Amino acid sequence: MFFGPVYPTLVLAAMKLDARFAAAVQCSVEADRGHRDETSCEAYAVPMRLINACLLVIGLIAIACAAELIVRRKSTFLIAGLLVLAGLAAEADISLTS
């Protein structure tokens, strides 16, 4: 839980920048606490998808850099990065055709 405060801070920043996202989060929290019907909330998660994508890219680069440090070849960065990307795509059921 070392990185715990970072993610809520990113959510707060996204809420400050995007009023539509802030309204969606507020509605979702109210629905979770029983003050509102969840079906009345808008499902708007674009800012969170962008934040998650950026965090995944940071993780991918970190793994590729670690592989390059271990093997000591420049090509290892590309190979490890592509393998991690393929693994993420397989895990997320992402395909290039859809």
PDB file of N, CA and C in Angstrom:
ATOM      1  N   MET A   1       0.821  -1.202   0.000  1.00  0.00           N
ATOM      2  CA  MET A   1       0.000   0.000   0.000  1.00  0.00           C
ATOM      3  C   MET A   1       0.862   1.263   0.000  1.00  0.00           C
ATOM      4  N   PHE A   2       2.116   1.145  -0.395  1.00  0.00           N
ATOM      5  CA  PHE A   2       3.016   2.292  -0.400  1.00  0.00           C
ATOM      6  C   PHE A   2       2.524   3.396  -1.334  1.00  0.00           C
ATOM      7  N   PHE A   3       1.983   3.017  -2.481  1.00  0.00           N
ATOM      8  CA  PHE A   3       1.561   4.004  -3.464  1.00  0.00           C
ATOM      9  C   PHE A   3       0.106   4.424  -3.265  1.00  0.00           C
ATOM     10  N   GLY A   4      -0.496   4.018  -2.179  1.00  0.00           N
ATOM     11  CA  GLY A   4      -1.907   4.284  -1.911  1.00  0.00           C
ATOM     12  C   GLY A   4      -2.341   5.727  -2.063  1.00  0.00           C
ATOM     13  N   PRO A   5      -1.621   6.696  -1.496  1.00  0.00           N
ATOM     14  CA  PRO A   5      -2.092   8.082  -1.599  1.00  0.00           C
ATOM     15  C   PRO A   5      -2.001   8.667  -3.005  1.00  0.00           C
ATOM     16  N   VAL A   6      -1.226   8.052  -3.872  1.00  0.00           N
ATOM     17  CA  VAL A   6      -1.045   8.618  -5.215  1.00  0.00           C
ATOM     18  C   VAL A   6      -2.319   8.479  -6.046  1.00  0.00           C
ATOM     19  N   TYR A   7      -2.917   7.316  -6.039  1.00  0.00           N
ATOM     20  CA  TYR A   7      -4.092   7.073  -6.884  1.00  0.00           C
ATOM     21  C   TYR A   7      -5.284   7.956  -6.495  1.00  0.00           C
ATOM     22  N   PRO A   8      -5.633   8.057  -5.199  1.00  0.00           N
ATOM     23  CA  PRO A   8      -6.723   8.975  -4.849  1.00  0.00           C
ATOM     24  C   PRO A   8      -6.412  10.429  -5.212  1.00  0.00           C
ATOM     25  N   THR A   9      -5.150  10.800  -5.141  1.00  0.00           N
ATOM     26  CA  THR A   9      -4.771  12.154  -5.539  1.00  0.00           C
ATOM     27  C   THR A   9      -4.987  12.350  -7.038  1.00  0.00           C
ATOM     28  N   LEU A  10      -4.677  11.332  -7.835  1.00  0.00           N
ATOM     29  CA  LEU A  10      -4.926  11.421  -9.277  1.00  0.00           C
ATOM     30  C   LEU A  10      -6.423  11.512  -9.576  1.00  0.00           C
ATOM     31  N   VAL A  11      -7.229  10.764  -8.823  1.00  0.00           N
ATOM     32  CA  VAL A  11      -8.685  10.841  -8.996  1.00  0.00           C
ATOM     33  C   VAL A  11      -9.170  12.242  -8.657  1.00  0.00           C
ATOM     34  N   LEU A  12      -8.678  12.799  -7.553  1.00  0.00           N
ATOM     35  CA  LEU A  12      -9.068  14.155  -7.160  1.00  0.00           C
ATOM     36  C   LEU A  12      -8.660  15.172  -8.221  1.00  0.00           C
ATOM     37  N   ALA A  13      -7.462  15.034  -8.753  1.00  0.00           N
ATOM     38  CA  ALA A  13      -7.010  15.957  -9.807  1.00  0.00           C
ATOM     39  C   ALA A  13      -7.899  15.847 -11.045  1.00  0.00           C
ATOM     40  N   ALA A  14      -8.264  14.613 -11.407  1.00  0.00           N
ATOM     41  CA  ALA A  14      -9.157  14.427 -12.560  1.00  0.00           C
ATOM     42  C   ALA A  14     -10.523  15.050 -12.294  1.00  0.00           C
ATOM     43  N   MET A  15     -10.984  14.952 -11.053  1.00  0.00           N
ATOM     44  CA  MET A  15     -12.271  15.554 -10.699  1.00  0.00           C
ATOM     45  C   MET A  15     -12.208  17.073 -10.778  1.00  0.00           C
ATOM     46  N   LYS A  16     -11.083  17.653 -10.383  1.00  0.00           N
ATOM     47  CA  LYS A  16     -10.912  19.111 -10.445  1.00  0.00           C
ATOM     48  C   LYS A  16     -10.856  19.605 -11.893  1.00  0.00           C
ATOM     49  N   LEU A  17     -10.272  18.776 -12.780  1.00  0.00           N
ATOM     50  CA  LEU A  17     -10.118  19.180 -14.174  1.00  0.00           C
ATOM     51  C   LEU A  17     -11.359  18.934 -15.020  1.00  0.00           C
ATOM     52  N   ASP A  18     -12.158  17.952 -14.665  1.00  0.00           N
ATOM     53  CA  ASP A  18     -13.300  17.553 -15.487  1.00  0.00           C
ATOM     54  C   ASP A  18     -14.574  17.526 -14.635  1.00  0.00           C
ATOM     55  N   ALA A  19     -15.427  18.525 -14.828  1.00  0.00           N
ATOM     56  CA  ALA A  19     -16.654  18.636 -14.029  1.00  0.00           C
ATOM     57  C   ALA A  19     -17.600  17.461 -14.286  1.00  0.00           C
ATOM     58  N   ARG A  20     -17.628  16.968 -15.495  1.00  0.00           N
ATOM     59  CA  ARG A  20     -18.496  15.824 -15.815  1.00  0.00           C
ATOM     60  C   ARG A  20     -18.057  14.579 -15.047  1.00  0.00           C
ATOM     61  N   PHE A  21     -16.749  14.361 -14.961  1.00  0.00           N
ATOM     62  CA  PHE A  21     -16.225  13.239 -14.202  1.00  0.00           C
ATOM     63  C   PHE A  21     -16.510  13.425 -12.710  1.00  0.00           C
ATOM     64  N   ALA A  22     -16.355  14.645 -12.215  1.00  0.00           N
ATOM     65  CA  ALA A  22     -16.632  14.920 -10.805  1.00  0.00           C
ATOM     66  C   ALA A  22     -18.084  14.614 -10.461  1.00  0.00           C
ATOM     67  N   ALA A  23     -18.999  14.986 -11.347  1.00  0.00           N
ATOM     68  CA  ALA A  23     -20.419  14.702 -11.116  1.00  0.00           C
ATOM     69  C   ALA A  23     -20.682  13.202 -11.125  1.00  0.00           C
ATOM     70  N   ALA A  24     -20.020  12.485 -12.010  1.00  0.00           N
ATOM     71  CA  ALA A  24     -20.195  11.035 -12.079  1.00  0.00           C
ATOM     72  C   ALA A  24     -19.670  10.358 -10.814  1.00  0.00           C
ATOM     73  N   VAL A  25     -18.536  10.833 -10.312  1.00  0.00           N
ATOM     74  CA  VAL A  25     -17.967  10.260  -9.086  1.00  0.00           C
ATOM     75  C   VAL A  25     -18.864  10.573  -7.895  1.00  0.00           C
ATOM     76  N   GLN A  26     -19.321  11.820  -7.806  1.00  0.00           N
ATOM     77  CA  GLN A  26     -20.196  12.200  -6.694  1.00  0.00           C
ATOM     78  C   GLN A  26     -21.482  11.377  -6.703  1.00  0.00           C
ATOM     79  N   CYS A  27     -22.061  11.189  -7.852  1.00  0.00           N
ATOM     80  CA  CYS A  27     -23.276  10.392  -7.978  1.00  0.00           C
ATOM     81  C   CYS A  27     -23.014   8.948  -7.560  1.00  0.00           C
ATOM     82  N   SER A  28     -21.882   8.407  -7.980  1.00  0.00           N
ATOM     83  CA  SER A  28     -21.543   7.029  -7.645  1.00  0.00           C
ATOM     84  C   SER A  28     -21.336   6.855  -6.139  1.00  0.00           C
ATOM     85  N   VAL A  29     -20.688   7.811  -5.511  1.00  0.00           N
ATOM     86  CA  VAL A  29     -20.479   7.748  -4.064  1.00  0.00           C
ATOM     87  C   VAL A  29     -21.812   7.837  -3.334  1.00  0.00           C
ATOM     88  N   GLU A  30     -22.676   8.749  -3.776  1.00  0.00           N
ATOM     89  CA  GLU A  30     -23.997   8.881  -3.155  1.00  0.00           C
ATOM     90  C   GLU A  30     -24.813   7.604  -3.332  1.00  0.00           C
ATOM     91  N   ALA A  31     -24.722   6.986  -4.481  1.00  0.00           N
ATOM     92  CA  ALA A  31     -25.448   5.737  -4.731  1.00  0.00           C
ATOM     93  C   ALA A  31     -24.897   4.617  -3.851  1.00  0.00           C
ATOM     94  N   ASP A  32     -23.577   4.602  -3.662  1.00  0.00           N
ATOM     95  CA  ASP A  32     -22.962   3.581  -2.821  1.00  0.00           C
ATOM     96  C   ASP A  32     -23.409   3.712  -1.359  1.00  0.00           C
ATOM     97  N   ARG A  33     -23.647   4.930  -0.945  1.00  0.00           N
ATOM     98  CA  ARG A  33     -24.070   5.174   0.439  1.00  0.00           C
ATOM     99  C   ARG A  33     -25.584   5.103   0.614  1.00  0.00           C
ATOM    100  N   GLY A  34     -26.301   4.827  -0.469  1.00  0.00           N
ATOM    101  CA  GLY A  34     -27.745   4.648  -0.389  1.00  0.00           C
ATOM    102  C   GLY A  34     -28.560   5.916  -0.469  1.00  0.00           C
ATOM    103  N   HIS A  35     -27.944   7.033  -0.862  1.00  0.00           N
ATOM    104  CA  HIS A  35     -28.655   8.303  -0.954  1.00  0.00           C
ATOM    105  C   HIS A  35     -29.264   8.552  -2.331  1.00  0.00           C
ATOM    106  N   ARG A  36     -28.933   7.712  -3.271  1.00  0.00           N
ATOM    107  CA  ARG A  36     -29.379   7.919  -4.646  1.00  0.00           C
ATOM    108  C   ARG A  36     -29.450   6.569  -5.342  1.00  0.00           C
ATOM    109  N   ASP A  37     -30.278   6.501  -6.390  1.00  0.00           N
ATOM    110  CA  ASP A  37     -30.382   5.283  -7.187  1.00  0.00           C
ATOM    111  C   ASP A  37     -29.200   5.236  -8.160  1.00  0.00           C
ATOM    112  N   GLU A  38     -28.534   4.101  -8.214  1.00  0.00           N
ATOM    113  CA  GLU A  38     -27.339   3.970  -9.053  1.00  0.00           C
ATOM    114  C   GLU A  38     -27.654   4.077 -10.543  1.00  0.00           C
ATOM    115  N   THR A  39     -28.860   3.744 -10.950  1.00  0.00           N
ATOM    116  CA  THR A  39     -29.207   3.808 -12.364  1.00  0.00           C
ATOM    117  C   THR A  39     -29.295   5.251 -12.863  1.00  0.00           C
ATOM    118  N   SER A  40     -29.393   6.213 -11.951  1.00  0.00           N
ATOM    119  CA  SER A  40     -29.454   7.614 -12.367  1.00  0.00           C
ATOM    120  C   SER A  40     -28.066   8.207 -12.607  1.00  0.00           C
ATOM    121  N   CYS A  41     -27.017   7.451 -12.282  1.00  0.00           N
ATOM    122  CA  CYS A  41     -25.645   7.949 -12.436  1.00  0.00           C
ATOM    123  C   CYS A  41     -25.126   7.697 -13.851  1.00  0.00           C
ATOM    124  N   GLU A  42     -24.389   8.676 -14.353  1.00  0.00           N
ATOM    125  CA  GLU A  42     -23.756   8.528 -15.662  1.00  0.00           C
ATOM    126  C   GLU A  42     -22.468   7.726 -15.510  1.00  0.00           C
ATOM    127  N   ALA A  43     -22.248   6.784 -16.391  1.00  0.00           N
ATOM    128  CA  ALA A  43     -21.015   5.985 -16.376  1.00  0.00           C
ATOM    129  C   ALA A  43     -19.980   6.676 -17.261  1.00  0.00           C
ATOM    130  N   TYR A  44     -19.228   7.592 -16.659  1.00  0.00           N
ATOM    131  CA  TYR A  44     -18.219   8.355 -17.399  1.00  0.00           C
ATOM    132  C   TYR A  44     -16.861   8.110 -16.746  1.00  0.00           C
ATOM    133  N   ALA A  45     -16.035   7.322 -17.388  1.00  0.00           N
ATOM    134  CA  ALA A  45     -14.754   6.935 -16.802  1.00  0.00           C
ATOM    135  C   ALA A  45     -13.560   7.260 -17.688  1.00  0.00           C
ATOM    136  N   VAL A  46     -13.720   8.144 -18.650  1.00  0.00           N
ATOM    137  CA  VAL A  46     -12.626   8.455 -19.576  1.00  0.00           C
ATOM    138  C   VAL A  46     -11.374   8.946 -18.845  1.00  0.00           C
ATOM    139  N   PRO A  47     -11.488   9.879 -17.888  1.00  0.00           N
ATOM    140  CA  PRO A  47     -10.262  10.315 -17.193  1.00  0.00           C
ATOM    141  C   PRO A  47      -9.552   9.174 -16.460  1.00  0.00           C
ATOM    142  N   MET A  48     -10.304   8.273 -15.865  1.00  0.00           N
ATOM    143  CA  MET A  48      -9.677   7.160 -15.148  1.00  0.00           C
ATOM    144  C   MET A  48      -9.025   6.179 -16.122  1.00  0.00           C
ATOM    145  N   ARG A  49      -9.625   5.995 -17.263  1.00  0.00           N
ATOM    146  CA  ARG A  49      -9.001   5.121 -18.267  1.00  0.00           C
ATOM    147  C   ARG A  49      -7.684   5.710 -18.759  1.00  0.00           C
ATOM    148  N   LEU A  50      -7.637   7.030 -18.921  1.00  0.00           N
ATOM    149  CA  LEU A  50      -6.399   7.684 -19.341  1.00  0.00           C
ATOM    150  C   LEU A  50      -5.328   7.583 -18.256  1.00  0.00           C
ATOM    151  N   ILE A  51      -5.716   7.791 -17.000  1.00  0.00           N
ATOM    152  CA  ILE A  51      -4.766   7.678 -15.896  1.00  0.00           C
ATOM    153  C   ILE A  51      -4.244   6.244 -15.804  1.00  0.00           C
ATOM    154  N   ASN A  52      -5.133   5.267 -15.897  1.00  0.00           N
ATOM    155  CA  ASN A  52      -4.716   3.866 -15.834  1.00  0.00           C
ATOM    156  C   ASN A  52      -3.787   3.511 -16.981  1.00  0.00           C
ATOM    157  N   ALA A  53      -4.066   4.036 -18.169  1.00  0.00           N
ATOM    158  CA  ALA A  53      -3.195   3.778 -19.315  1.00  0.00           C
ATOM    159  C   ALA A  53      -1.805   4.367 -19.086  1.00  0.00           C
ATOM    160  N   CYS A  54      -1.744   5.567 -18.540  1.00  0.00           N
ATOM    161  CA  CYS A  54      -0.445   6.184 -18.259  1.00  0.00           C
ATOM    162  C   CYS A  54       0.332   5.392 -17.210  1.00  0.00           C
ATOM    163  N   LEU A  55      -0.358   4.922 -16.171  1.00  0.00           N
ATOM    164  CA  LEU A  55       0.313   4.118 -15.150  1.00  0.00           C
ATOM    165  C   LEU A  55       0.811   2.792 -15.722  1.00  0.00           C
ATOM    166  N   LEU A  56       0.044   2.193 -16.622  1.00  0.00           N
ATOM    167  CA  LEU A  56       0.492   0.962 -17.270  1.00  0.00           C
ATOM    168  C   LEU A  56       1.729   1.199 -18.127  1.00  0.00           C
ATOM    169  N   VAL A  57       1.773   2.328 -18.819  1.00  0.00           N
ATOM    170  CA  VAL A  57       2.941   2.652 -19.642  1.00  0.00           C
ATOM    171  C   VAL A  57       4.170   2.848 -18.758  1.00  0.00           C
ATOM    172  N   ILE A  58       3.992   3.516 -17.618  1.00  0.00           N
ATOM    173  CA  ILE A  58       5.113   3.699 -16.691  1.00  0.00           C
ATOM    174  C   ILE A  58       5.620   2.338 -16.210  1.00  0.00           C
ATOM    175  N   GLY A  59       4.711   1.436 -15.877  1.00  0.00           N
ATOM    176  CA  GLY A  59       5.102   0.095 -15.445  1.00  0.00           C
ATOM    177  C   GLY A  59       5.794  -0.674 -16.549  1.00  0.00           C
ATOM    178  N   LEU A  60       5.292  -0.557 -17.764  1.00  0.00           N
ATOM    179  CA  LEU A  60       5.902  -1.238 -18.910  1.00  0.00           C
ATOM    180  C   LEU A  60       7.329  -0.748 -19.129  1.00  0.00           C
ATOM    181  N   ILE A  61       7.529   0.549 -19.066  1.00  0.00           N
ATOM    182  CA  ILE A  61       8.874   1.112 -19.254  1.00  0.00           C
ATOM    183  C   ILE A  61       9.800   0.678 -18.128  1.00  0.00           C
ATOM    184  N   ALA A  62       9.292   0.625 -16.907  1.00  0.00           N
ATOM    185  CA  ALA A  62      10.118   0.193 -15.772  1.00  0.00           C
ATOM    186  C   ALA A  62      10.573  -1.257 -15.936  1.00  0.00           C
ATOM    187  N   ILE A  63       9.672  -2.119 -16.376  1.00  0.00           N
ATOM    188  CA  ILE A  63      10.036  -3.530 -16.590  1.00  0.00           C
ATOM    189  C   ILE A  63      11.052  -3.657 -17.717  1.00  0.00           C
ATOM    190  N   ALA A  64      10.854  -2.917 -18.802  1.00  0.00           N
ATOM    191  CA  ALA A  64      11.792  -2.972 -19.929  1.00  0.00           C
ATOM    192  C   ALA A  64      13.164  -2.443 -19.524  1.00  0.00           C
ATOM    193  N   CYS A  65      13.192  -1.384 -18.718  1.00  0.00           N
ATOM    194  CA  CYS A  65      14.482  -0.850 -18.247  1.00  0.00           C
ATOM    195  C   CYS A  65      15.189  -1.849 -17.344  1.00  0.00           C
ATOM    196  N   ALA A  66      14.424  -2.511 -16.472  1.00  0.00           N
ATOM    197  CA  ALA A  66      15.019  -3.522 -15.600  1.00  0.00           C
ATOM    198  C   ALA A  66      15.595  -4.674 -16.415  1.00  0.00           C
ATOM    199  N   ALA A  67      14.882  -5.097 -17.442  1.00  0.00           N
ATOM    200  CA  ALA A  67      15.382  -6.179 -18.297  1.00  0.00           C
ATOM    201  C   ALA A  67      16.664  -5.756 -19.000  1.00  0.00           C
ATOM    202  N   GLU A  68      16.710  -4.511 -19.456  1.00  0.00           N
ATOM    203  CA  GLU A  68      17.914  -4.026 -20.134  1.00  0.00           C
ATOM    204  C   GLU A  68      19.099  -3.970 -19.167  1.00  0.00           C
ATOM    205  N   LEU A  69      18.853  -3.593 -17.925  1.00  0.00           N
ATOM    206  CA  LEU A  69      19.928  -3.563 -16.932  1.00  0.00           C
ATOM    207  C   LEU A  69      20.440  -4.961 -16.598  1.00  0.00           C
ATOM    208  N   ILE A  70      19.539  -5.927 -16.571  1.00  0.00           N
ATOM    209  CA  ILE A  70      19.929  -7.293 -16.223  1.00  0.00           C
ATOM    210  C   ILE A  70      20.713  -7.949 -17.356  1.00  0.00           C
ATOM    211  N   VAL A  71      20.221  -7.828 -18.580  1.00  0.00           N
ATOM    212  CA  VAL A  71      20.826  -8.516 -19.722  1.00  0.00           C
ATOM    213  C   VAL A  71      21.950  -7.707 -20.355  1.00  0.00           C
ATOM    214  N   ARG A  72      21.922  -6.403 -20.189  1.00  0.00           N
ATOM    215  CA  ARG A  72      22.950  -5.495 -20.719  1.00  0.00           C
ATOM    216  C   ARG A  72      22.993  -5.425 -22.243  1.00  0.00           C
ATOM    217  N   ARG A  73      21.838  -5.483 -22.869  1.00  0.00           N
ATOM    218  CA  ARG A  73      21.744  -5.280 -24.322  1.00  0.00           C
ATOM    219  C   ARG A  73      20.628  -4.290 -24.595  1.00  0.00           C
ATOM    220  N   LYS A  74      20.839  -3.417 -25.567  1.00  0.00           N
ATOM    221  CA  LYS A  74      19.818  -2.434 -25.916  1.00  0.00           C
ATOM    222  C   LYS A  74      18.562  -3.092 -26.485  1.00  0.00           C
ATOM    223  N   SER A  75      18.722  -4.183 -27.212  1.00  0.00           N
ATOM    224  CA  SER A  75      17.569  -4.847 -27.814  1.00  0.00           C
ATOM    225  C   SER A  75      16.650  -5.470 -26.765  1.00  0.00           C
ATOM    226  N   THR A  76      17.181  -5.722 -25.591  1.00  0.00           N
ATOM    227  CA  THR A  76      16.371  -6.324 -24.527  1.00  0.00           C
ATOM    228  C   THR A  76      15.242  -5.400 -24.109  1.00  0.00           C
ATOM    229  N   PHE A  77      15.476  -4.085 -24.123  1.00  0.00           N
ATOM    230  CA  PHE A  77      14.440  -3.118 -23.774  1.00  0.00           C
ATOM    231  C   PHE A  77      13.230  -3.299 -24.675  1.00  0.00           C
ATOM    232  N   LEU A  78      13.456  -3.380 -25.966  1.00  0.00           N
ATOM    233  CA  LEU A  78      12.368  -3.533 -26.929  1.00  0.00           C
ATOM    234  C   LEU A  78      11.676  -4.888 -26.783  1.00  0.00           C
ATOM    235  N   ILE A  79      12.459  -5.932 -26.650  1.00  0.00           N
ATOM    236  CA  ILE A  79      11.888  -7.281 -26.537  1.00  0.00           C
ATOM    237  C   ILE A  79      11.050  -7.403 -25.264  1.00  0.00           C
ATOM    238  N   ALA A  80      11.604  -6.958 -24.127  1.00  0.00           N
ATOM    239  CA  ALA A  80      10.867  -7.044 -22.857  1.00  0.00           C
ATOM    240  C   ALA A  80       9.626  -6.168 -22.905  1.00  0.00           C
ATOM    241  N   GLY A  81       9.750  -4.981 -23.474  1.00  0.00           N
ATOM    242  CA  GLY A  81       8.593  -4.090 -23.591  1.00  0.00           C
ATOM    243  C   GLY A  81       7.474  -4.693 -24.419  1.00  0.00           C
ATOM    244  N   LEU A  82       7.845  -5.315 -25.519  1.00  0.00           N
ATOM    245  CA  LEU A  82       6.829  -5.951 -26.373  1.00  0.00           C
ATOM    246  C   LEU A  82       6.193  -7.157 -25.690  1.00  0.00           C
ATOM    247  N   LEU A  83       6.985  -7.921 -24.948  1.00  0.00           N
ATOM    248  CA  LEU A  83       6.430  -9.063 -24.220  1.00  0.00           C
ATOM    249  C   LEU A  83       5.456  -8.619 -23.128  1.00  0.00           C
ATOM    250  N   VAL A  84       5.822  -7.570 -22.410  1.00  0.00           N
ATOM    251  CA  VAL A  84       4.918  -7.049 -21.380  1.00  0.00           C
ATOM    252  C   VAL A  84       3.650  -6.506 -22.021  1.00  0.00           C
ATOM    253  N   LEU A  85       3.787  -5.787 -23.123  1.00  0.00           N
ATOM    254  CA  LEU A  85       2.623  -5.255 -23.828  1.00  0.00           C
ATOM    255  C   LEU A  85       1.722  -6.381 -24.321  1.00  0.00           C
ATOM    256  N   ALA A  86       2.308  -7.431 -24.843  1.00  0.00           N
ATOM    257  CA  ALA A  86       1.510  -8.578 -25.296  1.00  0.00           C
ATOM    258  C   ALA A  86       0.790  -9.239 -24.121  1.00  0.00           C
ATOM    259  N   GLY A  87       1.472  -9.334 -22.988  1.00  0.00           N
ATOM    260  CA  GLY A  87       0.843  -9.902 -21.804  1.00  0.00           C
ATOM    261  C   GLY A  87      -0.307  -9.052 -21.295  1.00  0.00           C
ATOM    262  N   LEU A  88      -0.125  -7.735 -21.292  1.00  0.00           N
ATOM    263  CA  LEU A  88      -1.206  -6.835 -20.882  1.00  0.00           C
ATOM    264  C   LEU A  88      -2.395  -6.947 -21.829  1.00  0.00           C
ATOM    265  N   ALA A  89      -2.109  -6.994 -23.118  1.00  0.00           N
ATOM    266  CA  ALA A  89      -3.185  -7.099 -24.105  1.00  0.00           C
ATOM    267  C   ALA A  89      -3.947  -8.406 -23.951  1.00  0.00           C
ATOM    268  N   ALA A  90      -3.225  -9.479 -23.703  1.00  0.00           N
ATOM    269  CA  ALA A  90      -3.879 -10.783 -23.522  1.00  0.00           C
ATOM    270  C   ALA A  90      -4.722 -10.794 -22.252  1.00  0.00           C
ATOM    271  N   GLU A  91      -4.218 -10.194 -21.207  1.00  0.00           N
ATOM    272  CA  GLU A  91      -4.937 -10.165 -19.931  1.00  0.00           C
ATOM    273  C   GLU A  91      -6.191  -9.295 -20.017  1.00  0.00           C
ATOM    274  N   ALA A  92      -6.105  -8.224 -20.766  1.00  0.00           N
ATOM    275  CA  ALA A  92      -7.231  -7.291 -20.872  1.00  0.00           C
ATOM    276  C   ALA A  92      -8.187  -7.652 -22.021  1.00  0.00           C
ATOM    277  N   ASP A  93      -7.924  -8.740 -22.717  1.00  0.00           N
ATOM    278  CA  ASP A  93      -8.727  -9.149 -23.874  1.00  0.00           C
ATOM    279  C   ASP A  93      -8.775  -8.046 -24.929  1.00  0.00           C
ATOM    280  N   ILE A  94      -7.642  -7.411 -25.156  1.00  0.00           N
ATOM    281  CA  ILE A  94      -7.538  -6.383 -26.172  1.00  0.00           C
ATOM    282  C   ILE A  94      -7.044  -7.052 -27.451  1.00  0.00           C
ATOM    283  N   SER A  95      -7.703  -6.751 -28.542  1.00  0.00           N
ATOM    284  CA  SER A  95      -7.218  -7.271 -29.811  1.00  0.00           C
ATOM    285  C   SER A  95      -7.100  -6.124 -30.805  1.00  0.00           C
ATOM    286  N   LEU A  96      -6.233  -6.273 -31.759  1.00  0.00           N
ATOM    287  CA  LEU A  96      -6.038  -5.226 -32.753  1.00  0.00           C
ATOM    288  C   LEU A  96      -7.150  -5.185 -33.781  1.00  0.00           C
ATOM    289  N   THR A  97      -7.926  -6.245 -33.870  1.00  0.00           N
ATOM    290  CA  THR A  97      -8.975  -6.291 -34.890  1.00  0.00           C
ATOM    291  C   THR A  97     -10.284  -5.677 -34.417  1.00  0.00           C
ATOM    292  N   SER A  98     -10.481  -5.548 -33.119  1.00  0.00           N
ATOM    293  CA  SER A  98     -11.758  -5.013 -32.654  1.00  0.00           C
ATOM    294  C   SER A  98     -11.688  -3.611 -32.177  1.00  0.00           C
TER     295      SER A  98
END
